[in-house]
Amino acid sequence: MVMAVSLPLVIQQFISTFVSLLDNIMVGQVGTLAMSAVWEAVKYQEKSPKIAKLLKEFDEVLSLNVDKIEEKNEEIPEEILGMLEERKEARLNKDFAKSDEIRDKLKEKGYLVIDSKEGQKLEKIK
């Protein structure tokens, strides 16, 4: 049986865990332990402005500057998108040799193809 916990109590628990971990600084563990408290707050199922505010407060202590991180969205060239679509078709037709060949060409052009249950994903190689 899952019991509903009021959000302010949960936030207080996150704060308490975070502060107690920082109070018990032990070399080699402080970062991991403090970040585990942050991660629990991040993945908490009920999203709210209070959780967001709490994470900003944690960030003030940790100096990660998460609110200043800019997402870099690069435009994927049409040629690459076309190759990706061609590879998708080859996989649907079970032409895995052609699929692998296209994957290798994409890699030469600086893109990594990752296959998953949801389909193929494309990442720019850094």
N, C-alpha and C. Protein backbone atom coordinates (compact mmCIF):
# COMPACT_ATOMS: atom_id res chain seq x y z
N MET A 1 0.84 -1.18 0.00
CA MET A 1 0.00 0.00 0.00
C MET A 1 0.88 1.24 0.00
N VAL A 2 0.65 2.15 -0.93
CA VAL A 2 1.42 3.38 -1.03
C VAL A 2 0.66 4.48 -0.31
N MET A 3 1.35 5.15 0.59
CA MET A 3 0.71 6.23 1.33
C MET A 3 1.08 7.56 0.70
N ALA A 4 0.12 8.43 0.58
CA ALA A 4 0.37 9.76 0.03
C ALA A 4 1.06 10.60 1.10
N VAL A 5 2.09 11.30 0.71
CA VAL A 5 2.82 12.17 1.63
C VAL A 5 2.62 13.58 1.14
N SER A 6 2.33 14.48 2.06
CA SER A 6 2.12 15.86 1.64
C SER A 6 3.42 16.44 1.13
N LEU A 7 3.34 17.27 0.13
CA LEU A 7 4.52 17.83 -0.51
C LEU A 7 5.41 18.61 0.45
N PRO A 8 4.89 19.48 1.31
CA PRO A 8 5.78 20.19 2.23
C PRO A 8 6.59 19.25 3.11
N LEU A 9 6.00 18.13 3.55
CA LEU A 9 6.73 17.16 4.37
C LEU A 9 7.85 16.53 3.55
N VAL A 10 7.57 16.20 2.31
CA VAL A 10 8.59 15.62 1.43
C VAL A 10 9.72 16.61 1.23
N ILE A 11 9.39 17.86 0.99
CA ILE A 11 10.42 18.87 0.80
C ILE A 11 11.26 19.00 2.06
N GLN A 12 10.62 18.98 3.21
CA GLN A 12 11.36 19.06 4.47
C GLN A 12 12.29 17.87 4.62
N GLN A 13 11.84 16.69 4.18
CA GLN A 13 12.70 15.50 4.24
C GLN A 13 13.91 15.65 3.31
N PHE A 14 13.70 16.20 2.11
CA PHE A 14 14.82 16.43 1.20
C PHE A 14 15.81 17.40 1.82
N ILE A 15 15.31 18.48 2.40
CA ILE A 15 16.17 19.48 3.04
C ILE A 15 16.95 18.84 4.19
N SER A 16 16.25 18.10 5.01
CA SER A 16 16.88 17.46 6.16
C SER A 16 17.98 16.50 5.73
N THR A 17 17.70 15.68 4.72
CA THR A 17 18.71 14.74 4.21
C THR A 17 19.91 15.49 3.65
N PHE A 18 19.63 16.51 2.86
CA PHE A 18 20.69 17.30 2.23
C PHE A 18 21.58 17.96 3.29
N VAL A 19 20.98 18.62 4.26
CA VAL A 19 21.74 19.33 5.30
C VAL A 19 22.51 18.35 6.17
N SER A 20 21.88 17.24 6.55
CA SER A 20 22.59 16.28 7.40
C SER A 20 23.79 15.67 6.68
N LEU A 21 23.65 15.45 5.37
CA LEU A 21 24.78 14.91 4.61
C LEU A 21 25.90 15.93 4.51
N LEU A 22 25.56 17.18 4.33
CA LEU A 22 26.59 18.21 4.27
C LEU A 22 27.23 18.42 5.64
N ASP A 23 26.47 18.24 6.72
CA ASP A 23 27.01 18.36 8.08
C ASP A 23 27.99 17.24 8.39
N ASN A 24 27.82 16.11 7.78
CA ASN A 24 28.68 14.95 8.03
C ASN A 24 29.69 14.77 6.90
N ILE A 25 30.40 15.81 6.62
CA ILE A 25 31.37 15.76 5.51
C ILE A 25 32.43 14.70 5.79
N MET A 26 32.53 13.79 4.83
CA MET A 26 33.56 12.76 4.88
C MET A 26 34.22 12.76 3.51
N VAL A 27 35.53 12.87 3.51
CA VAL A 27 36.28 12.94 2.26
C VAL A 27 35.92 11.77 1.35
N GLY A 28 35.61 12.10 0.11
CA GLY A 28 35.29 11.08 -0.89
C GLY A 28 33.82 10.72 -0.94
N GLN A 29 33.07 11.04 0.09
CA GLN A 29 31.66 10.67 0.11
C GLN A 29 30.74 11.87 0.04
N VAL A 30 31.21 13.04 0.39
CA VAL A 30 30.30 14.18 0.48
C VAL A 30 29.61 14.48 -0.85
N GLY A 31 30.37 14.48 -1.92
CA GLY A 31 29.76 14.78 -3.22
C GLY A 31 28.72 13.75 -3.61
N THR A 32 29.07 12.49 -3.45
CA THR A 32 28.14 11.42 -3.81
C THR A 32 26.89 11.46 -2.94
N LEU A 33 27.06 11.63 -1.66
CA LEU A 33 25.92 11.62 -0.74
C LEU A 33 25.03 12.84 -0.94
N ALA A 34 25.65 14.01 -1.09
CA ALA A 34 24.85 15.22 -1.30
C ALA A 34 24.11 15.14 -2.63
N MET A 35 24.79 14.65 -3.66
CA MET A 35 24.14 14.54 -4.96
C MET A 35 23.04 13.49 -4.94
N SER A 36 23.15 12.48 -4.08
CA SER A 36 22.07 11.49 -4.01
C SER A 36 20.80 12.13 -3.47
N ALA A 37 20.94 13.07 -2.53
CA ALA A 37 19.77 13.78 -2.02
C ALA A 37 19.18 14.67 -3.11
N VAL A 38 20.05 15.31 -3.88
CA VAL A 38 19.59 16.15 -4.98
C VAL A 38 18.88 15.28 -6.01
N TRP A 39 19.47 14.14 -6.34
CA TRP A 39 18.89 13.26 -7.35
C TRP A 39 17.51 12.76 -6.91
N GLU A 40 17.35 12.44 -5.64
CA GLU A 40 16.04 12.00 -5.13
C GLU A 40 15.01 13.10 -5.35
N ALA A 41 15.39 14.34 -5.13
CA ALA A 41 14.45 15.45 -5.35
C ALA A 41 14.15 15.61 -6.84
N VAL A 42 15.18 15.46 -7.69
CA VAL A 42 14.99 15.60 -9.13
C VAL A 42 14.02 14.56 -9.67
N LYS A 43 14.17 13.32 -9.24
CA LYS A 43 13.34 12.26 -9.79
C LYS A 43 12.03 12.06 -9.03
N TYR A 44 11.75 12.90 -8.04
CA TYR A 44 10.50 12.78 -7.29
C TYR A 44 9.33 12.90 -8.25
N GLN A 45 8.37 11.98 -8.12
CA GLN A 45 7.29 11.86 -9.10
C GLN A 45 6.39 13.07 -9.22
N GLU A 46 6.20 13.82 -8.15
CA GLU A 46 5.28 14.95 -8.18
C GLU A 46 6.06 16.25 -8.42
N LYS A 47 6.01 16.76 -9.63
CA LYS A 47 6.74 17.98 -9.98
C LYS A 47 5.97 19.19 -9.47
N SER A 48 6.70 20.16 -8.97
CA SER A 48 6.03 21.36 -8.46
C SER A 48 7.02 22.51 -8.41
N PRO A 49 6.52 23.74 -8.34
CA PRO A 49 7.41 24.90 -8.18
C PRO A 49 8.21 24.83 -6.88
N LYS A 50 7.64 24.19 -5.86
CA LYS A 50 8.36 24.07 -4.58
C LYS A 50 9.59 23.18 -4.72
N ILE A 51 9.46 22.08 -5.46
CA ILE A 51 10.60 21.20 -5.71
C ILE A 51 11.65 21.96 -6.53
N ALA A 52 11.21 22.69 -7.54
CA ALA A 52 12.14 23.47 -8.37
C ALA A 52 12.88 24.49 -7.52
N LYS A 53 12.17 25.16 -6.62
CA LYS A 53 12.80 26.15 -5.72
C LYS A 53 13.82 25.46 -4.82
N LEU A 54 13.46 24.30 -4.31
CA LEU A 54 14.36 23.54 -3.46
C LEU A 54 15.64 23.18 -4.21
N LEU A 55 15.49 22.73 -5.45
CA LEU A 55 16.67 22.37 -6.25
C LEU A 55 17.56 23.58 -6.50
N LYS A 56 16.97 24.75 -6.69
CA LYS A 56 17.76 25.97 -6.85
C LYS A 56 18.53 26.29 -5.58
N GLU A 57 17.89 26.04 -4.43
CA GLU A 57 18.58 26.26 -3.16
C GLU A 57 19.74 25.28 -2.98
N PHE A 58 19.52 24.02 -3.34
CA PHE A 58 20.61 23.05 -3.31
C PHE A 58 21.74 23.52 -4.22
N ASP A 59 21.36 24.03 -5.38
CA ASP A 59 22.35 24.49 -6.36
C ASP A 59 23.18 25.64 -5.81
N GLU A 60 22.58 26.50 -5.01
CA GLU A 60 23.35 27.59 -4.41
C GLU A 60 24.49 27.05 -3.55
N VAL A 61 24.24 25.94 -2.86
CA VAL A 61 25.27 25.33 -2.03
C VAL A 61 26.30 24.61 -2.89
N LEU A 62 25.83 23.91 -3.91
CA LEU A 62 26.71 23.09 -4.74
C LEU A 62 27.40 23.87 -5.86
N SER A 63 26.88 25.04 -6.18
CA SER A 63 27.44 25.90 -7.24
C SER A 63 27.54 25.20 -8.59
N LEU A 64 26.48 24.49 -8.96
CA LEU A 64 26.44 23.84 -10.27
C LEU A 64 25.95 24.77 -11.36
N ASN A 65 25.26 25.85 -10.95
CA ASN A 65 24.70 26.83 -11.89
C ASN A 65 23.78 26.19 -12.91
N VAL A 66 22.91 25.29 -12.44
CA VAL A 66 22.02 24.59 -13.36
C VAL A 66 21.06 25.53 -14.08
N ASP A 67 20.73 26.65 -13.47
CA ASP A 67 19.81 27.58 -14.13
C ASP A 67 20.51 28.39 -15.21
N LYS A 68 21.82 28.25 -15.34
CA LYS A 68 22.56 28.99 -16.36
C LYS A 68 23.05 28.09 -17.49
N ILE A 69 22.71 26.81 -17.42
CA ILE A 69 23.13 25.88 -18.46
C ILE A 69 22.28 26.12 -19.70
N GLU A 70 22.94 26.34 -20.81
CA GLU A 70 22.23 26.58 -22.06
C GLU A 70 22.23 25.30 -22.88
N GLU A 71 21.07 24.94 -23.35
CA GLU A 71 20.98 23.77 -24.21
C GLU A 71 21.38 24.18 -25.61
N LYS A 72 22.27 23.41 -26.18
CA LYS A 72 22.77 23.72 -27.50
C LYS A 72 22.04 22.86 -28.52
N ASN A 73 21.19 23.48 -29.30
CA ASN A 73 20.44 22.76 -30.32
C ASN A 73 21.03 23.09 -31.69
N GLU A 74 21.77 22.14 -32.22
CA GLU A 74 22.35 22.34 -33.54
C GLU A 74 21.40 21.76 -34.58
N GLU A 75 21.29 22.47 -35.67
CA GLU A 75 20.47 22.00 -36.79
C GLU A 75 21.18 20.83 -37.45
N ILE A 76 20.45 19.74 -37.64
CA ILE A 76 21.02 18.56 -38.31
C ILE A 76 20.84 18.76 -39.81
N PRO A 77 21.94 18.66 -40.58
CA PRO A 77 21.85 18.87 -42.02
C PRO A 77 20.87 17.90 -42.69
N GLU A 78 20.22 18.37 -43.76
CA GLU A 78 19.25 17.56 -44.51
C GLU A 78 19.88 16.26 -45.01
N GLU A 79 21.13 16.34 -45.44
CA GLU A 79 21.82 15.14 -45.94
C GLU A 79 21.85 14.06 -44.85
N ILE A 80 22.16 14.45 -43.63
CA ILE A 80 22.24 13.51 -42.51
C ILE A 80 20.86 12.94 -42.20
N LEU A 81 19.85 13.81 -42.17
CA LEU A 81 18.48 13.35 -41.91
C LEU A 81 18.02 12.37 -42.98
N GLY A 82 18.39 12.65 -44.23
CA GLY A 82 18.04 11.75 -45.33
C GLY A 82 18.70 10.39 -45.17
N MET A 83 19.97 10.41 -44.78
CA MET A 83 20.69 9.15 -44.56
C MET A 83 20.06 8.36 -43.40
N LEU A 84 19.65 9.08 -42.37
CA LEU A 84 19.03 8.43 -41.22
C LEU A 84 17.71 7.77 -41.63
N GLU A 85 16.95 8.46 -42.46
CA GLU A 85 15.67 7.91 -42.94
C GLU A 85 15.92 6.69 -43.83
N GLU A 86 16.95 6.79 -44.68
CA GLU A 86 17.31 5.67 -45.55
C GLU A 86 17.73 4.45 -44.71
N ARG A 87 18.44 4.71 -43.63
CA ARG A 87 18.86 3.61 -42.74
C ARG A 87 17.65 2.99 -42.05
N LYS A 88 16.71 3.82 -41.66
CA LYS A 88 15.49 3.33 -41.03
C LYS A 88 14.74 2.38 -41.98
N GLU A 89 14.63 2.79 -43.23
CA GLU A 89 13.96 1.96 -44.24
C GLU A 89 14.71 0.64 -44.44
N ALA A 90 16.05 0.71 -44.48
CA ALA A 90 16.84 -0.52 -44.65
C ALA A 90 16.60 -1.48 -43.49
N ARG A 91 16.51 -0.95 -42.28
CA ARG A 91 16.26 -1.80 -41.12
C ARG A 91 14.87 -2.42 -41.18
N LEU A 92 13.88 -1.62 -41.61
CA LEU A 92 12.52 -2.15 -41.73
C LEU A 92 12.45 -3.29 -42.75
N ASN A 93 13.28 -3.16 -43.80
CA ASN A 93 13.35 -4.19 -44.84
C ASN A 93 14.33 -5.31 -44.50
N LYS A 94 14.86 -5.25 -43.28
CA LYS A 94 15.82 -6.25 -42.78
C LYS A 94 17.08 -6.33 -43.64
N ASP A 95 17.44 -5.21 -44.25
CA ASP A 95 18.69 -5.12 -45.01
C ASP A 95 19.75 -4.55 -44.07
N PHE A 96 20.23 -5.40 -43.18
CA PHE A 96 21.13 -4.95 -42.12
C PHE A 96 22.52 -4.58 -42.64
N ALA A 97 22.94 -5.16 -43.76
CA ALA A 97 24.23 -4.79 -44.35
C ALA A 97 24.18 -3.33 -44.79
N LYS A 98 23.09 -2.94 -45.46
CA LYS A 98 22.93 -1.55 -45.90
C LYS A 98 22.80 -0.63 -44.69
N SER A 99 22.05 -1.07 -43.70
CA SER A 99 21.88 -0.29 -42.47
C SER A 99 23.22 -0.02 -41.81
N ASP A 100 24.06 -1.05 -41.71
CA ASP A 100 25.39 -0.90 -41.10
C ASP A 100 26.27 0.02 -41.93
N GLU A 101 26.17 -0.09 -43.24
CA GLU A 101 26.95 0.76 -44.14
C GLU A 101 26.59 2.24 -43.94
N ILE A 102 25.29 2.51 -43.84
CA ILE A 102 24.84 3.89 -43.64
C ILE A 102 25.28 4.39 -42.27
N ARG A 103 25.17 3.51 -41.26
CA ARG A 103 25.62 3.88 -39.91
C ARG A 103 27.09 4.28 -39.94
N ASP A 104 27.92 3.51 -40.64
CA ASP A 104 29.35 3.81 -40.72
C ASP A 104 29.60 5.13 -41.44
N LYS A 105 28.83 5.40 -42.50
CA LYS A 105 28.98 6.67 -43.23
C LYS A 105 28.58 7.85 -42.34
N LEU A 106 27.52 7.66 -41.55
CA LEU A 106 27.10 8.71 -40.62
C LEU A 106 28.19 8.98 -39.59
N LYS A 107 28.84 7.91 -39.14
CA LYS A 107 29.93 8.06 -38.17
C LYS A 107 31.08 8.85 -38.78
N GLU A 108 31.40 8.56 -40.05
CA GLU A 108 32.46 9.30 -40.75
C GLU A 108 32.13 10.78 -40.85
N LYS A 109 30.84 11.09 -40.92
CA LYS A 109 30.39 12.48 -41.03
C LYS A 109 30.20 13.13 -39.66
N GLY A 110 30.51 12.37 -38.58
CA GLY A 110 30.48 12.95 -37.25
C GLY A 110 29.21 12.71 -36.46
N TYR A 111 28.44 11.69 -36.84
CA TYR A 111 27.19 11.39 -36.13
C TYR A 111 27.17 9.93 -35.69
N LEU A 112 26.75 9.71 -34.46
CA LEU A 112 26.64 8.37 -33.92
C LEU A 112 25.16 7.98 -33.89
N VAL A 113 24.86 6.80 -34.42
CA VAL A 113 23.49 6.29 -34.42
C VAL A 113 23.37 5.29 -33.28
N ILE A 114 22.36 5.50 -32.44
CA ILE A 114 22.11 4.60 -31.32
C ILE A 114 20.74 3.96 -31.54
N ASP A 115 20.73 2.63 -31.61
CA ASP A 115 19.48 1.90 -31.80
C ASP A 115 18.91 1.52 -30.44
N SER A 116 17.61 1.70 -30.29
CA SER A 116 16.93 1.32 -29.05
C SER A 116 15.55 0.78 -29.38
N LYS A 117 14.83 0.36 -28.37
CA LYS A 117 13.47 -0.15 -28.57
C LYS A 117 12.57 0.92 -29.20
N GLU A 118 12.84 2.18 -28.86
CA GLU A 118 12.03 3.29 -29.36
C GLU A 118 12.41 3.70 -30.78
N GLY A 119 13.48 3.15 -31.29
CA GLY A 119 13.94 3.51 -32.63
C GLY A 119 15.38 3.98 -32.61
N GLN A 120 15.79 4.67 -33.65
CA GLN A 120 17.17 5.13 -33.71
C GLN A 120 17.27 6.57 -33.22
N LYS A 121 18.37 6.85 -32.56
CA LYS A 121 18.66 8.20 -32.08
C LYS A 121 19.98 8.62 -32.69
N LEU A 122 20.13 9.90 -32.90
CA LEU A 122 21.32 10.45 -33.53
C LEU A 122 22.00 11.40 -32.56
N GLU A 123 23.31 11.22 -32.38
CA GLU A 123 24.09 12.12 -31.54
C GLU A 123 25.28 12.63 -32.31
N LYS A 124 25.58 13.90 -32.12
CA LYS A 124 26.76 14.50 -32.72
C LYS A 124 27.97 14.03 -31.95
N ILE A 125 28.98 13.52 -32.64
CA ILE A 125 30.21 13.07 -31.99
C ILE A 125 31.02 14.31 -31.66
N LYS A 126 31.45 14.40 -30.42
CA LYS A 126 32.19 15.59 -29.95
C LYS A 126 33.65 15.47 -30.20
